[in-house]
Amino acid sequence: MNRRTIAALGLGALAVACATGAIGDAPDVRRPPAELPTRIDAATPGGDAEIGGIVRDEGDELLGGAWVTIGCACLEAPLELASDGGGAFRARGLPPGSYTITVRHGRGERSYMVDLPAGRRFRLKARISDRPTIIT
């Protein structure tokens, strides 16, 4: 056998092993640290808006322990919190602005964008798939 054939066979075997789980799953790196709160009062100057929501999987089950990051140029730093046992999270005392909300659970991740006016409440209904995305 020549080198190309050997390389092709090796890559093929590696692809089959990964696809069948023979090598094992990648570690779950999308779990929040245990100390993250499920509710935050940002108490920013002029902040009277709120972002909250519920996190579910694609089977409609509530997902506790999802890692939620709320970012905006209007904040000093992104807010990080976790969904509670009922899948809920909430951040109050937010200033108006354009927010990016990223929700992670297991290997799933989804981002949402919202413009939040002063004094308004935004409720997110997040759906996360824990299945890995396969790119072919």
C-alpha atoms as a PDB file:
ATOM      1  CA  MET A   1       0.000   0.000   0.000  1.00  0.00           C
ATOM      2  CA  ASN A   2       1.164   3.501  -0.698  1.00  0.00           C
ATOM      3  CA  ARG A   3       1.104   6.407   1.773  1.00  0.00           C
ATOM      4  CA  ARG A   4      -2.085   7.932   0.380  1.00  0.00           C
ATOM      5  CA  THR A   5      -4.012   4.693   0.799  1.00  0.00           C
ATOM      6  CA  ILE A   6      -2.754   4.254   4.356  1.00  0.00           C
ATOM      7  CA  ALA A   7      -3.655   7.875   5.218  1.00  0.00           C
ATOM      8  CA  ALA A   8      -7.120   7.492   3.673  1.00  0.00           C
ATOM      9  CA  LEU A   9      -7.767   4.273   5.600  1.00  0.00           C
ATOM     10  CA  GLY A  10      -6.613   5.879   8.841  1.00  0.00           C
ATOM     11  CA  LEU A  11      -8.842   8.931   8.379  1.00  0.00           C
ATOM     12  CA  GLY A  12     -11.773   6.702   7.445  1.00  0.00           C
ATOM     13  CA  ALA A  13     -11.310   4.589  10.576  1.00  0.00           C
ATOM     14  CA  LEU A  14     -11.081   7.727  12.703  1.00  0.00           C
ATOM     15  CA  ALA A  15     -14.294   9.125  11.181  1.00  0.00           C
ATOM     16  CA  VAL A  16     -16.149   5.844  11.827  1.00  0.00           C
ATOM     17  CA  ALA A  17     -14.871   5.697  15.410  1.00  0.00           C
ATOM     18  CA  CYS A  18     -15.995   9.256  16.101  1.00  0.00           C
ATOM     19  CA  ALA A  19     -19.400   8.755  14.473  1.00  0.00           C
ATOM     20  CA  THR A  20     -20.127   5.561  16.402  1.00  0.00           C
ATOM     21  CA  GLY A  21     -18.871   6.873  19.730  1.00  0.00           C
ATOM     22  CA  ALA A  22     -16.060   4.335  19.948  1.00  0.00           C
ATOM     23  CA  ILE A  23     -13.628   7.087  20.836  1.00  0.00           C
ATOM     24  CA  GLY A  24     -16.033   8.546  23.379  1.00  0.00           C
ATOM     25  CA  ASP A  25     -17.949  11.736  23.653  1.00  0.00           C
ATOM     26  CA  ALA A  26     -16.285  15.081  23.956  1.00  0.00           C
ATOM     27  CA  PRO A  27     -16.364  16.453  27.487  1.00  0.00           C
ATOM     28  CA  ASP A  28     -19.366  18.541  28.410  1.00  0.00           C
ATOM     29  CA  VAL A  29     -17.805  21.989  28.669  1.00  0.00           C
ATOM     30  CA  ARG A  30     -21.023  23.983  28.578  1.00  0.00           C
ATOM     31  CA  ARG A  31     -22.112  23.580  32.156  1.00  0.00           C
ATOM     32  CA  PRO A  32     -22.172  26.668  34.330  1.00  0.00           C
ATOM     33  CA  PRO A  33     -20.102  26.858  37.474  1.00  0.00           C
ATOM     34  CA  ALA A  34     -22.200  25.684  40.417  1.00  0.00           C
ATOM     35  CA  GLU A  35     -22.146  29.102  42.083  1.00  0.00           C
ATOM     36  CA  LEU A  36     -23.959  31.010  39.303  1.00  0.00           C
ATOM     37  CA  PRO A  37     -27.228  32.602  40.471  1.00  0.00           C
ATOM     38  CA  THR A  38     -30.561  31.985  38.750  1.00  0.00           C
ATOM     39  CA  ARG A  39     -31.678  35.590  39.334  1.00  0.00           C
ATOM     40  CA  ILE A  40     -29.675  38.824  39.131  1.00  0.00           C
ATOM     41  CA  ASP A  41     -30.554  42.391  40.025  1.00  0.00           C
ATOM     42  CA  ALA A  42     -28.046  44.393  37.976  1.00  0.00           C
ATOM     43  CA  ALA A  43     -29.171  47.649  39.622  1.00  0.00           C
ATOM     44  CA  THR A  44     -27.579  49.792  36.913  1.00  0.00           C
ATOM     45  CA  PRO A  45     -28.244  53.539  36.821  1.00  0.00           C
ATOM     46  CA  GLY A  46     -31.486  54.073  34.897  1.00  0.00           C
ATOM     47  CA  GLY A  47     -31.945  50.334  34.729  1.00  0.00           C
ATOM     48  CA  ASP A  48     -35.579  49.365  35.006  1.00  0.00           C
ATOM     49  CA  ALA A  49     -35.810  46.754  32.238  1.00  0.00           C
ATOM     50  CA  GLU A  50     -35.813  42.986  32.646  1.00  0.00           C
ATOM     51  CA  ILE A  51     -34.798  39.893  30.670  1.00  0.00           C
ATOM     52  CA  GLY A  52     -36.084  36.523  31.770  1.00  0.00           C
ATOM     53  CA  GLY A  53     -37.090  33.270  30.259  1.00  0.00           C
ATOM     54  CA  ILE A  54     -37.510  29.533  30.233  1.00  0.00           C
ATOM     55  CA  VAL A  55     -35.056  27.028  28.757  1.00  0.00           C
ATOM     56  CA  ARG A  56     -36.393  23.775  27.260  1.00  0.00           C
ATOM     57  CA  ASP A  57     -34.903  20.971  25.239  1.00  0.00           C
ATOM     58  CA  GLU A  58     -36.256  19.981  21.835  1.00  0.00           C
ATOM     59  CA  GLY A  59     -38.558  17.459  23.548  1.00  0.00           C
ATOM     60  CA  ASP A  60     -40.158  20.345  25.518  1.00  0.00           C
ATOM     61  CA  GLU A  61     -38.580  19.284  28.842  1.00  0.00           C
ATOM     62  CA  LEU A  62     -37.531  22.107  31.177  1.00  0.00           C
ATOM     63  CA  LEU A  63     -33.738  22.421  31.460  1.00  0.00           C
ATOM     64  CA  GLY A  64     -32.263  23.371  34.801  1.00  0.00           C
ATOM     65  CA  GLY A  65     -28.587  24.223  34.918  1.00  0.00           C
ATOM     66  CA  ALA A  66     -28.411  25.907  31.515  1.00  0.00           C
ATOM     67  CA  TRP A  67     -25.703  28.575  31.334  1.00  0.00           C
ATOM     68  CA  VAL A  68     -27.150  31.957  30.323  1.00  0.00           C
ATOM     69  CA  THR A  69     -24.943  34.898  29.335  1.00  0.00           C
ATOM     70  CA  ILE A  70     -26.514  38.327  28.811  1.00  0.00           C
ATOM     71  CA  GLY A  71     -24.293  40.844  27.058  1.00  0.00           C
ATOM     72  CA  CYS A  72     -24.711  44.458  25.990  1.00  0.00           C
ATOM     73  CA  ALA A  73     -22.386  47.406  25.340  1.00  0.00           C
ATOM     74  CA  CYS A  74     -24.506  49.178  27.979  1.00  0.00           C
ATOM     75  CA  LEU A  75     -23.166  46.851  30.721  1.00  0.00           C
ATOM     76  CA  GLU A  76     -19.721  46.940  32.304  1.00  0.00           C
ATOM     77  CA  ALA A  77     -19.419  43.164  31.807  1.00  0.00           C
ATOM     78  CA  PRO A  78     -21.707  40.364  30.587  1.00  0.00           C
ATOM     79  CA  LEU A  79     -24.057  38.896  33.184  1.00  0.00           C
ATOM     80  CA  GLU A  80     -23.803  35.155  33.773  1.00  0.00           C
ATOM     81  CA  LEU A  81     -26.492  33.096  35.427  1.00  0.00           C
ATOM     82  CA  ALA A  82     -27.956  29.591  35.350  1.00  0.00           C
ATOM     83  CA  SER A  83     -31.507  28.422  34.806  1.00  0.00           C
ATOM     84  CA  ASP A  84     -33.149  26.980  37.916  1.00  0.00           C
ATOM     85  CA  GLY A  85     -34.667  23.499  38.225  1.00  0.00           C
ATOM     86  CA  GLY A  86     -37.750  24.704  36.352  1.00  0.00           C
ATOM     87  CA  GLY A  87     -35.649  26.108  33.490  1.00  0.00           C
ATOM     88  CA  ALA A  88     -36.229  29.745  34.549  1.00  0.00           C
ATOM     89  CA  PHE A  89     -33.773  32.655  34.761  1.00  0.00           C
ATOM     90  CA  ARG A  90     -34.180  36.416  35.282  1.00  0.00           C
ATOM     91  CA  ALA A  91     -32.043  39.558  35.210  1.00  0.00           C
ATOM     92  CA  ARG A  92     -33.616  42.791  36.501  1.00  0.00           C
ATOM     93  CA  GLY A  93     -32.438  46.382  36.737  1.00  0.00           C
ATOM     94  CA  LEU A  94     -31.090  46.481  33.183  1.00  0.00           C
ATOM     95  CA  PRO A  95     -30.557  49.667  31.166  1.00  0.00           C
ATOM     96  CA  PRO A  96     -32.061  49.972  27.691  1.00  0.00           C
ATOM     97  CA  GLY A  97     -29.879  48.608  24.895  1.00  0.00           C
ATOM     98  CA  SER A  98     -29.223  45.915  22.298  1.00  0.00           C
ATOM     99  CA  TYR A  99     -28.637  42.623  24.095  1.00  0.00           C
ATOM    100  CA  THR A 100     -27.245  39.269  23.050  1.00  0.00           C
ATOM    101  CA  ILE A 101     -28.509  36.353  25.132  1.00  0.00           C
ATOM    102  CA  THR A 102     -26.565  33.097  24.806  1.00  0.00           C
ATOM    103  CA  VAL A 103     -27.956  29.894  26.297  1.00  0.00           C
ATOM    104  CA  ARG A 104     -25.778  26.759  26.636  1.00  0.00           C
ATOM    105  CA  HIS A 105     -26.626  23.303  27.892  1.00  0.00           C
ATOM    106  CA  GLY A 106     -24.629  20.142  27.324  1.00  0.00           C
ATOM    107  CA  ARG A 107     -23.224  20.479  23.830  1.00  0.00           C
ATOM    108  CA  GLY A 108     -26.027  22.782  22.652  1.00  0.00           C
ATOM    109  CA  GLU A 109     -25.743  26.533  22.303  1.00  0.00           C
ATOM    110  CA  ARG A 110     -28.096  29.155  20.927  1.00  0.00           C
ATOM    111  CA  SER A 111     -27.885  32.960  20.799  1.00  0.00           C
ATOM    112  CA  TYR A 112     -30.702  35.484  20.594  1.00  0.00           C
ATOM    113  CA  MET A 113     -30.625  39.251  19.998  1.00  0.00           C
ATOM    114  CA  VAL A 114     -33.125  41.711  21.397  1.00  0.00           C
ATOM    115  CA  ASP A 115     -33.477  45.493  21.583  1.00  0.00           C
ATOM    116  CA  LEU A 116     -34.703  46.250  25.081  1.00  0.00           C
ATOM    117  CA  PRO A 117     -36.391  49.633  25.631  1.00  0.00           C
ATOM    118  CA  ALA A 118     -36.417  51.315  29.030  1.00  0.00           C
ATOM    119  CA  GLY A 119     -38.901  49.846  31.496  1.00  0.00           C
ATOM    120  CA  ARG A 120     -39.759  46.822  29.341  1.00  0.00           C
ATOM    121  CA  ARG A 121     -39.668  43.110  30.100  1.00  0.00           C
ATOM    122  CA  PHE A 122     -38.463  40.565  27.569  1.00  0.00           C
ATOM    123  CA  ARG A 123     -39.385  36.892  27.982  1.00  0.00           C
ATOM    124  CA  LEU A 124     -37.266  34.371  26.092  1.00  0.00           C
ATOM    125  CA  LYS A 125     -38.497  30.895  25.238  1.00  0.00           C
ATOM    126  CA  ALA A 126     -35.194  29.183  24.498  1.00  0.00           C
ATOM    127  CA  ARG A 127     -34.953  25.747  22.886  1.00  0.00           C
ATOM    128  CA  ILE A 128     -31.653  23.897  23.030  1.00  0.00           C
ATOM    129  CA  SER A 129     -30.629  20.740  21.211  1.00  0.00           C
ATOM    130  CA  ASP A 130     -28.058  18.666  23.067  1.00  0.00           C
ATOM    131  CA  ARG A 131     -27.195  16.724  19.932  1.00  0.00           C
ATOM    132  CA  PRO A 132     -23.894  17.660  18.322  1.00  0.00           C
ATOM    133  CA  THR A 133     -23.991  19.290  14.907  1.00  0.00           C
ATOM    134  CA  ILE A 134     -22.329  17.108  12.278  1.00  0.00           C
ATOM    135  CA  ILE A 135     -20.690  18.977   9.420  1.00  0.00           C
ATOM    136  CA  THR A 136     -20.036  16.931   6.301  1.00  0.00           C
END
